[in-house]
Amino acid sequence: MTNMIDGQGRHIDYLRISVTDRCNFRCHYCMPEKQTFLPHGDLLDYSEIALLANRFIAHGIRKIRLTGGEPLVRRDIEVLLKELGGHVEAGRLDELTLTTNGSRLTQFAPILANASFSRINISLDSLNPETFRTITRGGDLTQVLSGIAAAAAQGIGIKINMVALKDENEAELVAMAEFCAANGYDLSLIETMPLGEGVADRQDRYIAMDDFIAPLRERYALSPLAHRSSGPARYWNVAPLGLRLGLITPLSHNFCDDCNRLRLTTDGKIYMCLGSTMHVDFRKALREDGMAAVDTLLQKALRLKPARHDFERQMADPELRLSRHMNATGG
């Protein structure tokens, strides 16, 4: 098998797999309130996802994250969780993780623990029930908090993902940091990105990370950490809370130089960059041409992976923004 080295010389060892574009929330920065989803026939089935995962692992992928939409709303998802967990147990994967909105964790926490998910990311943009309901367009904060507690009780490591939203949740950062520290959760903060038509105005909601974390710096001391996860976050210790804080800053502090990721969508496309329309179609290759064609496409994807995204220009010029919503690519 060939090494996973892209055209920029970066080592690619991390695959994000979107298992569905559907979600039971409608977060306003992610998708329109009335969203059209892919027909089920367009989706990769679990056997196809497993075949592609096997192939990527054989080529050198060591970390896989399942995303969506909301991955836990796909019917019989536990079948895939168990299948992929076997790669961790056999030592073929270093890590298998999941990003979820937490709404179904009360049911799925034991299943995830049994499938070798040692940590998960949970999207939580507010601890205020009304603000949470507004951002998610109807989500129940109590349900999510119960799910987070259920996952923690199973021994699964928890990281909270909070999208920085100007004039909406920026006054809540200190409370969120203290909540995470009190419960032993990590916290990652994410700048909003110019993806998708029909979502909240990006320029109104965008806030640079340095400005968003200013209230936290006023109260606590932040010092850089050497810790790195499989994603793009840069980590800080927040003292004396003892909180590990990740900052994901695609616009204000570009992190593309050491990108190690590819993204497989639920309909079988590989996107080489979240901020690009460039992709290759693995579903067609898998269904019509066989595994040799998949290997050829993988090498093409690596060669075509761009040096960096173009979010800055896309934020400034609405005509340049991608129509694809975040739930379609898997974040």
Protein backbone atom coordinates (compact mmCIF):
# COMPACT_ATOMS: atom_id res chain seq x y z
CA MET A 1 0.00 0.00 0.00
CA THR A 2 1.17 3.53 -0.79
CA ASN A 3 1.89 6.12 1.89
CA MET A 4 -0.75 8.76 2.63
CA ILE A 5 1.28 11.83 1.61
CA ASP A 6 -0.56 14.68 -0.11
CA GLY A 7 0.67 17.03 -2.83
CA GLN A 8 1.94 19.46 -0.18
CA GLY A 9 4.04 16.80 1.54
CA ARG A 10 1.67 16.49 4.51
CA HIS A 11 1.10 13.10 6.14
CA ILE A 12 -2.60 12.18 6.07
CA ASP A 13 -3.58 9.80 8.86
CA TYR A 14 -7.05 11.03 9.84
CA LEU A 15 -10.37 10.28 8.12
CA ARG A 16 -13.68 11.89 8.99
CA ILE A 17 -16.68 9.82 7.86
CA SER A 18 -20.12 11.40 7.63
CA VAL A 19 -22.67 8.63 8.10
CA THR A 20 -25.73 10.83 7.45
CA ASP A 21 -26.59 14.38 6.43
CA ARG A 22 -29.71 14.26 8.60
CA CYS A 23 -30.00 15.82 12.03
CA ASN A 24 -32.71 16.24 14.65
CA PHE A 25 -31.50 19.81 15.33
CA ARG A 26 -31.41 22.75 12.91
CA CYS A 27 -28.57 24.86 14.31
CA HIS A 28 -28.81 28.16 12.48
CA TYR A 29 -25.08 28.34 11.67
CA CYS A 30 -25.15 24.84 10.16
CA MET A 31 -28.25 24.56 7.94
CA PRO A 32 -31.52 26.28 7.01
CA GLU A 33 -34.62 25.56 9.07
CA LYS A 34 -36.21 23.78 6.10
CA GLN A 35 -33.47 21.54 4.80
CA THR A 36 -33.64 18.98 1.99
CA PHE A 37 -31.72 15.79 2.70
CA LEU A 38 -30.26 13.17 0.38
CA PRO A 39 -32.44 10.22 -0.72
CA HIS A 40 -31.52 7.03 1.14
CA GLY A 41 -30.48 5.38 -2.12
CA ASP A 42 -27.70 7.93 -2.53
CA LEU A 43 -26.11 7.06 0.81
CA LEU A 44 -23.32 4.57 1.28
CA ASP A 45 -24.65 1.55 3.14
CA TYR A 46 -22.80 0.23 6.17
CA SER A 47 -21.01 -2.49 4.24
CA GLU A 48 -19.70 0.12 1.78
CA ILE A 49 -18.55 2.42 4.57
CA ALA A 50 -16.80 -0.53 6.22
CA LEU A 51 -15.10 -1.52 2.94
CA LEU A 52 -13.81 2.01 2.38
CA ALA A 53 -12.70 2.31 5.99
CA ASN A 54 -10.78 -0.96 5.65
CA ARG A 55 -9.07 0.35 2.54
CA PHE A 56 -8.12 3.67 4.10
CA ILE A 57 -6.75 1.88 7.16
CA ALA A 58 -4.69 -0.37 4.91
CA HIS A 59 -3.22 2.75 3.28
CA GLY A 60 -2.24 4.24 6.64
CA ILE A 61 -5.23 5.98 8.23
CA ARG A 62 -4.86 5.65 12.02
CA LYS A 63 -7.73 7.80 13.31
CA ILE A 64 -11.37 7.84 12.27
CA ARG A 65 -14.12 10.20 13.41
CA LEU A 66 -17.80 9.59 12.66
CA THR A 67 -19.80 12.73 11.97
CA GLY A 68 -23.02 13.90 10.32
CA GLY A 69 -25.51 15.60 10.48
CA GLU A 70 -26.14 13.74 13.69
CA PRO A 71 -24.57 10.27 13.33
CA LEU A 72 -26.69 8.67 16.05
CA VAL A 73 -29.96 9.31 14.20
CA ARG A 74 -29.07 6.89 11.39
CA ARG A 75 -31.01 3.65 11.75
CA ASP A 76 -29.01 0.67 13.07
CA ILE A 77 -25.87 2.79 13.48
CA GLU A 78 -24.73 0.41 16.21
CA VAL A 79 -23.88 -2.10 13.46
CA LEU A 80 -21.25 0.26 12.05
CA LEU A 81 -20.02 1.32 15.49
CA LYS A 82 -19.25 -2.29 16.37
CA GLU A 83 -17.63 -2.99 12.98
CA LEU A 84 -15.26 -0.03 13.20
CA GLY A 85 -14.56 -0.64 16.87
CA GLY A 86 -13.05 -3.96 15.89
CA HIS A 87 -10.18 -2.10 14.20
CA VAL A 88 -9.31 -0.42 17.50
CA GLU A 89 -9.42 -3.70 19.37
CA ALA A 90 -7.14 -5.29 16.75
CA GLY A 91 -4.67 -2.39 16.87
CA ARG A 92 -5.30 -1.29 13.28
CA LEU A 93 -6.69 2.08 14.45
CA ASP A 94 -5.21 4.28 17.17
CA GLU A 95 -8.46 6.09 17.78
CA LEU A 96 -12.16 5.96 16.89
CA THR A 97 -14.19 9.01 17.87
CA LEU A 98 -17.55 10.64 17.24
CA THR A 99 -19.01 14.14 17.00
CA THR A 100 -22.61 14.34 18.22
CA ASN A 101 -25.16 16.86 19.43
CA GLY A 102 -25.66 14.68 22.51
CA SER A 103 -29.41 14.28 22.16
CA ARG A 104 -29.27 10.46 21.85
CA LEU A 105 -26.34 9.75 24.15
CA THR A 106 -28.46 8.45 27.01
CA GLN A 107 -29.34 5.50 24.77
CA PHE A 108 -26.03 5.16 22.93
CA ALA A 109 -23.41 5.78 25.63
CA PRO A 110 -23.10 2.08 26.60
CA ILE A 111 -22.99 1.06 22.93
CA LEU A 112 -20.20 3.55 22.21
CA ALA A 113 -18.19 2.41 25.22
CA ASN A 114 -18.48 -1.22 24.13
CA ALA A 115 -17.38 -0.27 20.60
CA SER A 116 -14.04 1.21 21.80
CA PHE A 117 -14.97 4.88 21.60
CA SER A 118 -12.69 6.25 24.30
CA ARG A 119 -13.68 9.89 23.74
CA ILE A 120 -16.32 11.89 21.88
CA ASN A 121 -16.98 15.51 20.94
CA ILE A 122 -20.34 17.04 21.84
CA SER A 123 -21.65 20.22 20.24
CA LEU A 124 -22.95 22.52 22.98
CA ASP A 125 -23.11 26.24 22.24
CA SER A 126 -24.97 27.44 25.32
CA LEU A 127 -25.90 26.40 28.86
CA ASN A 128 -28.90 28.73 28.82
CA PRO A 129 -32.00 26.69 27.86
CA GLU A 130 -33.59 29.52 25.86
CA THR A 131 -30.40 30.43 24.01
CA PHE A 132 -29.77 26.75 23.31
CA ARG A 133 -33.31 26.35 21.98
CA THR A 134 -32.85 29.38 19.72
CA ILE A 135 -29.49 28.28 18.29
CA THR A 136 -30.66 24.71 17.67
CA ARG A 137 -34.18 25.73 16.64
CA GLY A 138 -35.95 23.65 19.24
CA GLY A 139 -33.32 21.52 20.98
CA ASP A 140 -33.81 20.41 24.59
CA LEU A 141 -30.77 21.32 26.74
CA THR A 142 -31.83 18.98 29.56
CA GLN A 143 -31.81 16.02 27.19
CA VAL A 144 -28.31 16.87 25.98
CA LEU A 145 -26.90 17.39 29.48
CA SER A 146 -28.33 14.03 30.53
CA GLY A 147 -26.66 12.41 27.52
CA ILE A 148 -23.31 14.00 28.34
CA ALA A 149 -23.53 12.71 31.91
CA ALA A 150 -24.43 9.22 30.62
CA ALA A 151 -21.36 9.15 28.37
CA ALA A 152 -19.10 10.35 31.17
CA ALA A 153 -20.52 7.64 33.46
CA GLN A 154 -19.37 5.05 30.89
CA GLY A 155 -15.80 6.34 31.18
CA ILE A 156 -15.86 8.04 27.77
CA GLY A 157 -13.73 11.19 27.59
CA ILE A 158 -15.80 14.28 26.83
CA LYS A 159 -14.86 17.33 24.78
CA ILE A 160 -17.42 20.10 24.44
CA ASN A 161 -17.44 21.98 21.12
CA MET A 162 -18.73 25.56 21.35
CA VAL A 163 -19.09 27.67 18.21
CA ALA A 164 -18.24 31.33 18.85
CA LEU A 165 -21.29 33.42 17.91
CA LYS A 166 -21.10 37.18 18.22
CA ASP A 167 -23.89 38.77 20.30
CA GLU A 168 -25.40 35.34 20.94
CA ASN A 169 -23.23 33.23 23.22
CA GLU A 170 -20.05 35.27 23.77
CA ALA A 171 -21.21 36.32 27.25
CA GLU A 172 -21.48 32.63 28.19
CA LEU A 173 -17.88 31.56 27.68
CA VAL A 174 -16.76 31.89 31.29
CA ALA A 175 -19.75 29.87 32.51
CA MET A 176 -19.08 27.18 29.90
CA ALA A 177 -15.39 27.00 30.86
CA GLU A 178 -16.25 26.64 34.54
CA PHE A 179 -18.89 23.99 33.76
CA CYS A 180 -16.39 21.94 31.76
CA ALA A 181 -13.65 22.30 34.37
CA ALA A 182 -16.01 21.26 37.18
CA ASN A 183 -16.95 18.08 35.30
CA GLY A 184 -13.54 17.17 33.90
CA TYR A 185 -14.46 17.88 30.27
CA ASP A 186 -12.22 19.51 27.68
CA LEU A 187 -13.57 22.55 25.84
CA SER A 188 -12.93 23.52 22.21
CA LEU A 189 -14.00 26.87 20.76
CA ILE A 190 -14.64 27.15 17.03
CA GLU A 191 -14.86 30.17 14.76
CA THR A 192 -17.91 30.12 12.50
CA MET A 193 -17.14 29.46 8.82
CA PRO A 194 -18.73 30.69 5.55
CA LEU A 195 -20.41 27.43 4.51
CA GLY A 196 -23.92 26.92 3.17
CA GLU A 197 -26.76 28.93 1.68
CA GLY A 198 -29.70 30.05 3.80
CA VAL A 199 -27.88 30.06 7.15
CA ALA A 200 -27.41 32.96 9.58
CA ASP A 201 -25.43 35.88 8.18
CA ARG A 202 -21.77 35.03 8.70
CA GLN A 203 -20.47 38.56 9.00
CA ASP A 204 -23.00 39.40 11.72
CA ARG A 205 -22.23 36.27 13.75
CA TYR A 206 -18.48 35.94 13.13
CA ILE A 207 -16.17 36.93 15.97
CA ALA A 208 -12.40 36.43 15.94
CA MET A 209 -11.25 33.98 18.59
CA ASP A 210 -8.98 36.50 20.33
CA ASP A 211 -12.01 38.70 20.93
CA PHE A 212 -14.25 35.82 21.96
CA ILE A 213 -11.87 34.57 24.66
CA ALA A 214 -11.09 38.05 26.04
CA PRO A 215 -13.48 37.65 29.03
CA LEU A 216 -11.78 34.35 29.92
CA ARG A 217 -8.33 35.96 29.79
CA GLU A 218 -9.53 38.73 32.10
CA ARG A 219 -10.47 36.19 34.79
CA TYR A 220 -8.04 33.32 34.28
CA ALA A 221 -4.47 32.69 33.09
CA LEU A 222 -4.03 30.92 29.74
CA SER A 223 -0.77 29.17 28.91
CA PRO A 224 0.00 27.10 25.78
CA LEU A 225 0.10 23.30 25.95
CA ALA A 226 2.10 20.90 23.81
CA HIS A 227 -0.91 18.54 23.66
CA ARG A 228 -2.27 17.77 20.18
CA SER A 229 -5.30 15.76 19.17
CA SER A 230 -6.08 14.44 15.70
CA GLY A 231 -7.87 17.67 14.76
CA PRO A 232 -6.78 21.28 14.16
CA ALA A 233 -7.17 22.68 17.70
CA ARG A 234 -4.30 24.42 19.46
CA TYR A 235 -4.48 23.78 23.20
CA TRP A 236 -4.17 25.98 26.27
CA ASN A 237 -4.31 25.39 30.00
CA VAL A 238 -6.72 27.64 31.87
CA ALA A 239 -5.45 28.18 35.42
CA PRO A 240 -6.40 27.72 38.14
CA LEU A 241 -9.40 25.90 36.62
CA GLY A 242 -7.21 23.12 35.22
CA LEU A 243 -9.26 23.26 32.02
CA ARG A 244 -7.77 22.10 28.72
CA LEU A 245 -8.99 24.60 26.14
CA GLY A 246 -8.77 24.03 22.39
CA LEU A 247 -8.98 26.90 19.91
CA ILE A 248 -10.02 26.18 16.31
CA THR A 249 -9.38 29.31 14.26
CA PRO A 250 -9.81 28.76 10.51
CA LEU A 251 -10.12 32.48 9.77
CA SER A 252 -8.13 34.45 12.34
CA HIS A 253 -5.14 32.05 12.67
CA ASN A 254 -4.89 29.66 9.73
CA PHE A 255 -3.88 26.08 10.59
CA CYS A 256 -3.69 24.49 7.12
CA ASP A 257 0.08 23.93 7.04
CA ASP A 258 -0.19 20.73 9.04
CA CYS A 259 -3.63 19.52 7.92
CA ASN A 260 -3.79 15.73 8.23
CA ARG A 261 -7.42 15.10 7.21
CA LEU A 262 -9.67 13.81 4.45
CA ARG A 263 -13.48 13.79 4.62
CA LEU A 264 -15.77 11.05 3.30
CA THR A 265 -19.36 12.21 2.84
CA THR A 266 -22.41 10.07 3.38
CA ASP A 267 -22.91 9.79 -0.40
CA GLY A 268 -19.36 8.57 -0.95
CA LYS A 269 -17.47 11.68 -2.01
CA ILE A 270 -14.04 12.53 -0.66
CA TYR A 271 -13.57 16.25 -0.04
CA MET A 272 -9.93 17.15 0.27
CA CYS A 273 -10.75 20.37 2.16
CA LEU A 274 -13.80 21.58 4.09
CA GLY A 275 -13.53 24.92 2.31
CA SER A 276 -13.37 23.56 -1.24
CA THR A 277 -15.76 22.06 -3.79
CA MET A 278 -12.98 19.80 -5.09
CA HIS A 279 -13.82 16.12 -4.57
CA VAL A 280 -13.61 12.61 -6.00
CA ASP A 281 -16.53 10.15 -6.13
CA PHE A 282 -15.74 6.94 -4.29
CA ARG A 283 -19.34 5.67 -4.42
CA LYS A 284 -19.28 5.38 -8.21
CA ALA A 285 -15.85 3.76 -8.17
CA LEU A 286 -16.84 1.29 -5.46
CA ARG A 287 -20.16 0.29 -7.05
CA GLU A 288 -19.09 0.23 -10.69
CA ASP A 289 -15.34 -0.23 -10.97
CA GLY A 290 -14.05 -2.08 -7.90
CA MET A 291 -11.38 -1.55 -5.28
CA ALA A 292 -8.53 -0.88 -7.72
CA ALA A 293 -10.44 2.21 -8.89
CA VAL A 294 -10.84 3.28 -5.27
CA ASP A 295 -7.08 3.08 -4.76
CA THR A 296 -6.49 5.18 -7.89
CA LEU A 297 -8.98 7.81 -6.75
CA LEU A 298 -7.41 7.95 -3.32
CA GLN A 299 -4.06 8.83 -4.83
CA LYS A 300 -5.76 11.45 -7.00
CA ALA A 301 -7.41 12.96 -3.92
CA LEU A 302 -4.06 13.18 -2.15
CA ARG A 303 -2.43 14.89 -5.14
CA LEU A 304 -5.27 17.42 -5.42
CA LYS A 305 -5.54 18.33 -1.75
CA PRO A 306 -5.09 22.13 -1.69
CA ALA A 307 -2.48 23.93 0.35
CA ARG A 308 -5.14 25.82 2.31
CA HIS A 309 -8.79 26.88 2.42
CA ASP A 310 -10.08 30.21 1.13
CA PHE A 311 -12.46 31.10 3.96
CA GLU A 312 -11.17 34.65 4.29
CA ARG A 313 -12.19 35.64 0.76
CA GLN A 314 -15.40 33.62 1.03
CA MET A 315 -16.37 35.46 4.21
CA ALA A 316 -15.72 38.82 2.58
CA ASP A 317 -17.52 38.03 -0.69
CA PRO A 318 -20.88 36.17 -0.47
CA GLU A 319 -20.66 35.20 -4.15
CA LEU A 320 -17.61 33.06 -3.37
CA ARG A 321 -19.20 31.14 -0.51
CA LEU A 322 -19.84 27.44 -0.88
CA SER A 323 -23.47 26.36 -1.18
CA ARG A 324 -22.70 23.05 0.58
CA HIS A 325 -23.85 23.03 4.21
CA MET A 326 -21.75 21.78 7.09
CA ASN A 327 -24.01 18.76 7.65
CA ALA A 328 -23.37 17.60 4.08
CA THR A 329 -19.61 17.29 4.58
CA GLY A 330 -19.42 16.27 8.20
CA GLY A 331 -17.55 19.23 9.64
